[in-house]
Protein backbone atom coordinates (compact mmCIF):
# COMPACT_ATOMS: atom_id res chain seq x y z
CA MET A 1 -5.95 -21.78 9.56
CA ARG A 2 -8.61 -21.31 6.93
CA ARG A 3 -6.50 -18.54 5.38
CA ALA A 4 -3.49 -20.84 5.31
CA ALA A 5 -5.56 -23.52 3.64
CA LEU A 6 -6.74 -20.97 1.09
CA LEU A 7 -3.17 -20.34 0.08
CA TRP A 8 -2.58 -24.07 -0.40
CA GLY A 9 -5.03 -24.11 -3.24
CA VAL A 10 -4.49 -20.58 -4.58
CA PHE A 11 -0.78 -19.99 -4.32
CA VAL A 12 0.70 -22.85 -6.33
CA LEU A 13 3.03 -21.05 -8.69
CA PRO A 14 5.04 -22.34 -11.62
CA GLY A 15 8.44 -23.70 -10.82
CA ASN A 16 10.53 -22.27 -13.63
CA GLY A 17 12.24 -18.93 -13.68
CA ALA A 18 10.45 -17.55 -16.75
CA LEU A 19 7.30 -16.55 -14.91
CA PHE A 20 6.10 -13.68 -16.96
CA HIS A 21 6.38 -11.96 -20.28
CA ALA A 22 5.58 -8.46 -21.43
CA GLU A 23 2.02 -8.26 -22.65
CA ALA A 24 1.37 -8.56 -26.34
CA GLU A 25 -0.53 -5.41 -27.26
CA ARG A 26 -0.61 -2.99 -30.12
CA VAL A 27 1.17 0.16 -29.00
CA PHE A 28 -0.19 3.47 -30.16
CA PRO A 29 2.25 5.38 -32.37
CA MET A 30 3.09 8.46 -30.30
CA ASN A 31 2.93 11.89 -31.88
CA HIS A 32 4.31 13.49 -28.76
CA THR A 33 6.93 12.57 -26.24
CA ILE A 34 7.31 12.82 -22.50
CA HIS A 35 10.36 14.47 -21.02
CA LEU A 36 11.19 11.43 -18.92
CA LYS A 37 13.64 13.08 -16.51
CA LYS A 38 11.16 15.87 -15.74
CA GLN A 39 8.35 13.32 -15.39
CA LEU A 40 10.35 11.26 -12.92
CA ARG A 41 11.35 14.35 -10.93
CA CYS A 42 7.67 15.26 -10.51
CA ILE A 43 6.84 11.68 -9.51
CA TYR A 44 9.65 11.61 -6.94
CA LEU A 45 8.72 15.05 -5.56
CA SER A 46 5.10 14.05 -5.18
CA ASN A 47 6.13 10.79 -3.50
CA PHE A 48 8.31 12.66 -1.03
CA PHE A 49 5.68 15.10 0.20
CA SER A 50 2.89 12.54 0.21
CA GLY A 51 5.25 10.30 2.20
CA LEU A 52 5.72 12.96 4.92
CA ARG A 53 2.91 11.39 6.92
CA ILE A 54 3.70 12.98 10.26
CA THR A 55 0.66 11.39 11.89
CA ASP A 56 1.69 7.78 11.23
CA ALA A 57 3.92 7.50 14.31
CA VAL A 58 1.43 8.90 16.79
CA TRP A 59 -2.18 8.73 15.57
CA VAL A 60 -3.10 5.63 17.58
CA ALA A 61 -1.47 7.02 20.73
CA LEU A 62 -3.12 10.42 20.20
CA LEU A 63 -6.57 8.88 19.82
CA ALA A 64 -5.97 6.63 22.84
CA ALA A 65 -4.94 9.70 24.86
CA ARG A 66 -8.25 11.34 23.86
CA GLY A 67 -10.11 8.42 25.45
CA PHE A 68 -10.79 6.14 22.46
CA SER A 69 -10.45 2.39 23.12
CA LEU A 70 -8.32 0.10 20.98
CA TRP A 71 -11.54 -1.44 19.66
CA GLU A 72 -12.80 2.01 18.56
CA ILE A 73 -9.47 2.78 16.91
CA GLY A 74 -9.61 -0.59 15.16
CA LEU A 75 -13.18 0.23 14.06
CA ALA A 76 -11.99 3.49 12.51
CA GLU A 77 -9.33 1.52 10.65
CA SER A 78 -12.04 -0.89 9.47
CA VAL A 79 -14.04 2.03 8.06
CA TYR A 80 -10.94 2.97 6.12
CA HIS A 81 -10.75 -0.49 4.58
CA ILE A 82 -14.50 -0.74 3.91
CA VAL A 83 -14.30 2.44 1.83
CA SER A 84 -11.14 1.10 0.18
CA LEU A 85 -12.94 -2.11 -0.69
CA LEU A 86 -15.92 -0.31 -2.23
CA CYS A 87 -13.92 2.29 -4.15
CA GLU A 88 -10.66 0.53 -5.03
CA VAL A 89 -11.63 -0.98 -8.37
CA PRO A 90 -13.94 1.88 -9.53
CA SER A 91 -11.13 4.37 -8.85
CA GLY A 92 -8.69 2.25 -10.85
CA MET A 93 -11.17 2.07 -13.71
CA ALA A 94 -11.63 5.84 -13.55
CA ALA A 95 -7.86 6.25 -13.82
CA ASP A 96 -7.74 3.94 -16.86
CA LEU A 97 -10.70 5.62 -18.58
CA LEU A 98 -10.23 9.29 -17.66
CA GLY A 99 -6.46 9.51 -17.17
CA ARG A 100 -3.98 8.78 -14.39
CA LYS A 101 -3.01 12.42 -13.81
CA ARG A 102 -6.64 13.43 -13.12
CA ALA A 103 -7.01 10.56 -10.67
CA LEU A 104 -3.82 11.49 -8.81
CA VAL A 105 -4.76 15.17 -8.50
CA THR A 106 -8.23 14.20 -7.24
CA GLY A 107 -6.62 11.91 -4.67
CA GLY A 108 -4.35 14.73 -3.49
CA ILE A 109 -7.31 17.08 -2.97
CA LEU A 110 -9.17 14.39 -0.99
CA ALA A 111 -6.07 13.87 1.19
CA VAL A 112 -6.07 17.57 2.09
CA LEU A 113 -9.78 17.46 2.97
CA SER A 114 -9.30 14.32 5.08
CA SER A 115 -6.53 15.92 7.15
CA LEU A 116 -8.57 19.09 7.71
CA LEU A 117 -11.61 17.07 8.86
CA MET A 118 -9.46 14.91 11.14
CA ALA A 119 -7.94 18.03 12.72
CA PHE A 120 -11.31 19.32 13.92
CA ALA A 121 -13.29 16.07 14.41
CA PRO A 122 -14.92 16.11 17.90
CA GLY A 123 -16.01 12.47 18.07
CA LEU A 124 -15.74 8.95 16.67
CA PHE A 125 -18.27 9.50 13.86
CA LEU A 126 -16.30 12.30 12.22
CA ILE A 127 -13.03 10.48 12.91
CA CYS A 128 -14.44 7.57 10.91
CA ALA A 129 -15.63 9.99 8.19
CA ALA A 130 -12.13 11.45 7.91
CA MET A 131 -10.69 7.94 7.70
CA GLY A 132 -13.16 7.22 4.91
CA LEU A 133 -12.03 10.31 2.97
CA ASN A 134 -8.42 9.26 3.48
CA ALA A 135 -9.26 5.81 2.12
CA LEU A 136 -10.95 7.33 -0.93
CA SER A 137 -7.85 9.44 -1.49
CA ASN A 138 -5.57 6.42 -1.29
CA THR A 139 -7.72 4.42 -3.72
CA MET A 140 -7.15 7.18 -6.28
CA PHE A 141 -3.41 6.71 -5.76
CA SER A 142 -3.48 2.93 -5.52
CA GLY A 143 -2.33 1.40 -8.76
CA THR A 144 -2.55 4.77 -10.51
CA ASP A 145 0.92 6.02 -9.57
CA ALA A 146 2.47 2.67 -10.53
CA ALA A 147 0.51 2.59 -13.81
CA LEU A 148 1.51 6.16 -14.70
CA THR A 149 5.16 5.41 -13.89
CA TYR A 150 5.20 2.19 -15.92
CA ASP A 151 3.50 3.75 -18.95
CA SER A 152 5.76 6.82 -18.78
CA LEU A 153 8.75 4.50 -19.06
CA LYS A 154 6.99 2.46 -21.73
CA GLN A 155 6.29 5.52 -23.87
CA ALA A 156 9.97 6.35 -23.65
CA GLY A 157 10.87 2.76 -24.57
CA GLN A 158 12.53 2.19 -21.18
CA GLU A 159 10.11 -0.09 -19.32
CA GLU A 160 13.03 -2.36 -18.39
CA ARG A 161 13.97 0.39 -15.90
CA TYR A 162 10.74 -0.08 -13.92
CA LEU A 163 12.23 -2.18 -11.13
CA SER A 164 14.90 0.45 -10.47
CA VAL A 165 12.45 3.38 -10.69
CA ALA A 166 9.94 1.59 -8.44
CA ALA A 167 12.68 0.97 -5.90
CA ASN A 168 13.63 4.67 -6.02
CA ARG A 169 9.98 5.67 -5.50
CA SER A 170 9.69 3.31 -2.57
CA GLN A 171 12.89 4.54 -0.96
CA ILE A 172 11.91 8.20 -1.33
CA GLY A 173 8.49 7.53 0.17
CA MET A 174 9.91 5.56 3.08
CA LEU A 175 12.63 8.13 3.73
CA ALA A 176 9.99 10.84 3.79
CA SER A 177 7.84 8.78 6.15
CA ALA A 178 10.79 8.28 8.47
CA LEU A 179 11.58 12.01 8.46
CA GLY A 180 7.91 12.82 9.05
CA SER A 181 7.89 10.57 12.09
CA LEU A 182 10.30 13.00 13.80
CA ALA A 183 7.29 15.25 14.29
CA SER A 184 6.30 13.08 17.27
CA THR A 185 8.89 15.06 19.25
CA LEU A 186 6.67 18.12 18.73
CA ARG A 187 3.57 16.61 20.32
CA ARG A 188 3.29 19.13 23.13
CA PHE A 189 3.48 21.98 20.60
CA LEU A 190 1.41 20.62 17.73
CA ARG A 191 -1.16 18.67 19.73
CA PHE A 192 -3.78 16.62 17.87
CA SER A 193 -5.09 19.22 15.42
CA GLY A 194 -1.63 20.60 14.65
CA PHE A 195 -0.39 17.27 13.35
CA TYR A 196 -3.19 17.08 10.81
CA LEU A 197 -2.93 20.72 9.73
CA VAL A 198 0.74 20.22 8.87
CA SER A 199 -0.21 16.98 7.10
CA ALA A 200 -2.73 18.95 4.99
CA LEU A 201 0.07 21.36 4.01
CA PHE A 202 2.35 18.54 2.83
CA SER A 203 -0.51 16.93 0.85
CA SER A 204 -1.11 20.27 -0.87
CA ILE A 205 2.52 20.47 -2.00
CA SER A 206 2.33 16.89 -3.29
CA THR A 207 -0.80 17.75 -5.27
CA LEU A 208 0.94 20.73 -6.89
CA ALA A 209 3.73 18.38 -8.05
CA MET A 210 1.10 16.08 -9.58
CA LEU A 211 -0.29 18.98 -11.59
CA LEU A 212 3.09 19.18 -13.38
CA LEU A 213 2.88 15.57 -14.59
CA LYS A 214 2.20 14.67 -18.23
CA GLU A 215 -0.32 11.99 -19.11
CA PRO A 216 1.44 9.06 -20.86
CA VAL A 217 -0.26 7.67 -23.99
CA VAL A 218 0.83 4.24 -25.20
CA THR A 219 -2.35 2.70 -26.67
CA GLU A 220 -5.12 3.81 -29.00
CA ALA A 221 -7.68 3.58 -26.19
CA GLN A 222 -5.65 6.01 -24.09
CA ALA A 223 -5.28 8.38 -27.03
CA ALA A 224 -9.07 8.41 -27.51
CA ARG A 225 -9.89 9.42 -23.91
CA SER A 226 -10.48 13.08 -24.75
CA SER A 227 -12.94 12.23 -27.52
CA HIS A 228 -15.30 10.24 -25.27
CA SER A 229 -18.38 11.92 -23.86
CA LEU A 230 -19.67 11.39 -20.31
CA ARG A 231 -22.59 9.41 -21.76
CA GLU A 232 -20.16 6.74 -22.92
CA LEU A 233 -18.60 6.21 -19.50
CA PRO A 234 -21.11 3.61 -18.15
CA GLY A 235 -20.60 1.45 -21.23
CA GLN A 236 -16.83 1.89 -21.00
CA PHE A 237 -16.88 0.90 -17.33
CA ALA A 238 -18.90 -2.21 -18.14
CA GLN A 239 -16.53 -3.18 -20.95
CA LEU A 240 -13.51 -2.64 -18.72
CA VAL A 241 -15.06 -4.88 -16.06
CA ARG A 242 -15.53 -7.64 -18.63
CA ASP A 243 -12.02 -7.20 -20.04
CA SER A 244 -10.43 -7.20 -16.58
CA ALA A 245 -12.34 -10.31 -15.48
CA ALA A 246 -11.28 -12.05 -18.67
CA ALA A 247 -7.67 -11.00 -18.11
CA LEU A 248 -7.60 -12.50 -14.59
CA HIS A 249 -9.33 -15.67 -15.80
CA GLY A 250 -6.85 -16.02 -18.63
CA CYS A 251 -3.84 -15.36 -16.39
CA PRO A 252 -4.03 -17.47 -13.18
CA LEU A 253 -0.58 -16.30 -12.12
CA ALA A 254 -1.85 -12.72 -11.78
CA ALA A 255 -4.73 -13.91 -9.59
CA LYS A 256 -2.32 -15.91 -7.40
CA LEU A 257 -0.03 -12.91 -7.01
CA ILE A 258 -2.98 -10.77 -5.90
CA ALA A 259 -4.03 -13.37 -3.28
CA ALA A 260 -0.48 -13.68 -1.93
CA ASP A 261 0.03 -9.91 -1.79
CA ALA A 262 -3.14 -9.48 0.24
CA PHE A 263 -2.31 -12.07 2.88
CA ILE A 264 1.34 -11.25 3.48
CA SER A 265 0.67 -7.48 3.58
CA ILE A 266 -1.68 -7.57 6.59
CA PRO A 267 1.13 -7.35 9.19
CA CYS A 268 2.78 -4.45 7.34
CA TYR A 269 0.50 -1.76 8.70
CA LEU A 270 -0.85 -3.47 11.82
CA THR A 271 2.63 -3.88 13.32
CA LYS A 272 3.30 -0.15 12.96
CA MET A 273 -0.21 0.69 14.14
CA PHE A 274 -0.37 -1.31 17.38
CA LEU A 275 3.33 -1.06 18.23
CA GLN A 276 2.62 2.58 19.16
CA GLN A 277 0.30 1.66 22.01
CA ARG A 278 2.39 -1.34 23.05
CA LEU A 279 5.45 0.87 23.52
CA VAL A 280 3.38 3.35 25.54
CA GLU A 281 2.23 0.42 27.72
CA LEU A 282 5.89 -0.50 28.20
CA GLY A 283 6.70 3.00 29.44
CA TRP A 284 7.86 4.78 26.30
CA PRO A 285 7.03 8.52 26.16
CA THR A 286 4.91 9.53 23.18
CA GLU A 287 7.60 12.00 22.09
CA TRP A 288 9.93 9.06 21.35
CA LEU A 289 7.49 7.17 19.11
CA PHE A 290 9.24 8.64 16.08
CA LEU A 291 12.19 6.30 16.62
CA PRO A 292 10.45 3.01 15.69
CA LEU A 293 8.97 4.55 12.56
CA LEU A 294 12.35 6.07 11.67
CA LEU A 295 14.01 2.67 12.04
CA GLY A 296 11.13 1.05 10.12
CA GLY A 297 11.74 3.48 7.28
CA ALA A 298 15.43 2.60 7.28
CA ALA A 299 14.48 -1.08 7.13
CA CYS A 300 12.25 -0.39 4.11
CA VAL A 301 15.08 1.41 2.32
CA ALA A 302 17.35 -1.54 3.07
CA GLY A 303 14.64 -3.90 1.82
CA THR A 304 14.41 -2.16 -1.54
CA GLU A 305 18.19 -2.29 -1.92
CA ILE A 306 18.13 -6.03 -1.19
CA GLY A 307 15.17 -6.40 -3.56
CA ARG A 308 17.22 -4.92 -6.41
CA ARG A 309 19.76 -7.70 -5.99
CA VAL A 310 17.48 -10.65 -5.26
CA HIS A 311 16.50 -12.86 -8.21
CA PRO A 312 14.04 -15.51 -6.99
CA HIS A 313 13.83 -18.66 -9.09
CA THR A 314 10.25 -19.46 -8.03
CA LEU A 315 7.68 -17.17 -6.45
CA ARG A 316 6.26 -20.06 -4.41
CA ARG A 317 9.53 -20.66 -2.54
CA PHE A 318 10.08 -16.91 -2.34
CA TYR A 319 6.68 -16.44 -0.68
CA THR A 320 7.40 -19.21 1.82
CA VAL A 321 10.62 -17.58 3.00
CA CYS A 322 9.06 -14.11 3.17
CA ALA A 323 5.94 -15.31 5.04
CA LEU A 324 8.01 -17.13 7.67
CA LEU A 325 10.19 -14.06 8.24
CA VAL A 326 7.20 -11.67 8.34
CA GLY A 327 5.32 -13.97 10.72
CA GLY A 328 8.31 -14.24 13.03
CA GLY A 329 8.79 -10.47 13.02
CA THR A 330 5.10 -9.87 13.76
CA PHE A 331 5.23 -12.28 16.71
CA LEU A 332 8.23 -10.38 18.12
CA VAL A 333 6.32 -7.08 17.88
CA GLY A 334 3.51 -8.56 19.94
CA ALA A 335 5.45 -10.61 22.51
CA ALA A 336 9.01 -9.30 22.87
CA PRO A 337 10.25 -6.42 25.06
CA ALA A 338 10.35 -2.92 23.56
CA TRP A 339 13.55 -3.19 21.53
CA GLY A 340 12.74 -6.76 20.47
CA GLY A 341 9.38 -5.51 19.17
CA ILE A 342 11.08 -2.69 17.28
CA LEU A 343 13.51 -5.14 15.66
CA GLY A 344 10.57 -7.37 14.76
CA MET A 345 8.77 -4.45 13.10
CA MET A 346 11.93 -3.61 11.14
CA LEU A 347 12.12 -7.22 9.93
CA VAL A 348 8.48 -7.12 8.80
CA GLN A 349 8.88 -3.85 6.89
CA GLY A 350 12.15 -4.82 5.20
CA VAL A 351 11.05 -8.29 4.08
CA LEU A 352 7.72 -7.01 2.76
CA GLU A 353 9.53 -4.43 0.62
CA VAL A 354 11.56 -7.22 -0.97
CA TRP A 355 8.45 -9.28 -1.69
CA LEU A 356 6.25 -6.43 -2.94
CA LEU A 357 8.96 -5.00 -5.20
CA HIS A 358 9.17 -8.23 -7.19
CA ALA A 359 5.45 -9.01 -7.02
CA ASP A 360 4.63 -5.51 -8.31
CA GLN A 361 7.03 -5.80 -11.23
CA ARG A 362 5.69 -9.19 -12.27
CA LEU A 363 2.05 -8.14 -11.95
CA ASN A 364 2.71 -5.06 -14.14
CA ALA A 365 4.35 -7.23 -16.77
CA LEU A 366 1.39 -9.62 -16.84
CA ILE A 367 -1.36 -7.08 -17.58
CA SER A 368 -2.07 -4.72 -20.46
CA SER A 369 -1.65 -0.95 -20.31
CA ASP A 370 -5.37 -0.30 -20.81
CA GLN A 371 -6.19 -2.37 -17.70
CA ARG A 372 -3.10 -1.69 -15.59
CA ALA A 373 -4.57 0.71 -13.00
CA THR A 374 -7.75 -1.36 -12.72
CA LEU A 375 -6.02 -4.67 -12.01
CA ILE A 376 -3.47 -3.16 -9.64
CA SER A 377 -6.49 -1.73 -7.80
CA VAL A 378 -7.90 -5.26 -7.59
CA ASP A 379 -4.64 -6.15 -5.84
CA SER A 380 -5.26 -3.44 -3.24
CA MET A 381 -8.93 -4.41 -2.93
CA ALA A 382 -8.00 -7.95 -1.94
CA TYR A 383 -5.81 -6.49 0.82
CA SER A 384 -8.72 -4.36 2.08
CA ILE A 385 -11.04 -7.39 2.16
CA LEU A 386 -8.72 -9.05 4.68
CA MET A 387 -7.95 -5.86 6.62
CA ILE A 388 -11.63 -5.09 7.34
CA PRO A 389 -11.90 -7.91 9.90
CA ALA A 390 -8.19 -8.03 10.79
CA SER A 391 -7.91 -4.49 12.26
CA PRO A 392 -10.72 -4.70 14.85
CA PHE A 393 -9.87 -8.37 15.55
CA VAL A 394 -6.27 -7.55 16.49
CA GLY A 395 -7.53 -4.58 18.56
CA ALA A 396 -10.22 -6.70 20.28
CA VAL A 397 -7.70 -9.42 21.21
CA GLY A 398 -5.50 -6.67 22.66
CA ASP A 399 -8.40 -5.30 24.74
CA LEU A 400 -9.32 -8.84 25.88
CA PHE A 401 -5.84 -9.60 27.21
CA GLY A 402 -5.15 -6.05 28.38
CA GLN A 403 -2.11 -5.52 26.15
CA ALA A 404 -1.86 -4.25 22.59
CA GLY A 405 0.62 -6.95 21.53
CA ALA A 406 -1.61 -9.99 22.11
CA GLY A 407 -3.41 -9.71 18.77
CA LEU A 408 -0.13 -9.17 16.92
CA ALA A 409 1.39 -12.31 18.43
CA LEU A 410 -1.56 -14.34 17.12
CA LEU A 411 -1.32 -12.65 13.70
CA GLY A 412 2.36 -13.56 13.53
CA VAL A 413 1.56 -17.22 14.12
CA LEU A 414 -1.09 -17.20 11.34
CA THR A 415 1.25 -15.48 8.85
CA ALA A 416 4.09 -17.92 9.53
CA ALA A 417 1.57 -20.78 9.21
CA SER A 418 0.68 -19.61 5.68
CA GLY A 419 4.34 -19.87 4.69
CA ALA A 420 4.60 -23.32 6.25
CA ALA A 421 1.42 -24.39 4.43
CA VAL A 422 2.81 -23.31 1.05
CA LEU A 423 6.07 -25.14 1.81
CA ALA A 424 4.18 -28.29 2.76
CA LYS A 425 2.12 -28.08 -0.43
CA ARG A 426 5.27 -27.73 -2.54
CA ARG A 427 6.84 -30.81 -0.96
CA SER A 428 3.70 -32.87 -1.40
């Protein structure tokens, strides 16, 4: 209930429809252009192969089959979010200061290394180390891909297309994830290490697509990146920290969006994560675990299509509706029979896509290009702060009651309560 109360005071958004404006900044006069169609093709190709996460549908079940408890699996997930918390903002700053393309390529290389380590990890310590590498990889992507996409469109004078392009990126990634989940049918052939070796191959192809990207330049600070020496980086980092803090202080709406994103996103991954073991407990064969993820991917694609057509008048009311639906879906995953849980997971994934699509667009419009990757990383960092205790807590509640869904049922109640709290605050 403390989290719900937090949202009472934090998430009180303006009531009019004009919630954001494009930032007022001096745009650098470009002496070169980006071939936008080629740039978008590379972005989409990279998204597709990075989205072919064939381990997502089975990794919990595979670790459980190797003898790891739900608490240990939750601990490994916590390590992931601890590393995310520590590295999220520095990685975003590195992307803003050194270039988004460099950050993305570095993240791709780390993803390959993480999969290779996971494939041959003999015990929990190295499993946690591989999860940490994976987290570091994702922090390099977090905010960076969105920032590069937005500034690519901005350099071409087409930033009004961002919502459509972001929806396309999301759909491609979710479609790839759904296709990758089909690999669960190959469990007896691939086994544990095989899944992660194939994952390393797909990450390598994604990284090659990133190498074909062009770095967008829309401000003088971005144009001056190549002229800065390594000695200047500490001072630049410090200045970026001050500028970013000032930006959040001067724009309360951005801070409220970040807080709301963090809270409502917690069920997104945990429902997919613990639904695996819950279905196994209900008698599902591991080879059929691809089906929920496939249906979840379809729900995400549907969510982005709905998101294109939804025009919320107020974000506060919009959050209330989304939180109630996500909370209800999460409760179904934890308490309903197999197909009811699958439908609940689909509801969670679809509704969250609608929310995040609009929240992402509005957050991008609120912040400057020189700080875009940094502040979007702050958004992801807030999510990691909540996920660090949430993952082992949901796993521990599952161990306590002897069923993986118990923790999810409680999480669903808390998420729905946050929506009810915001609604009550609005009425008061």
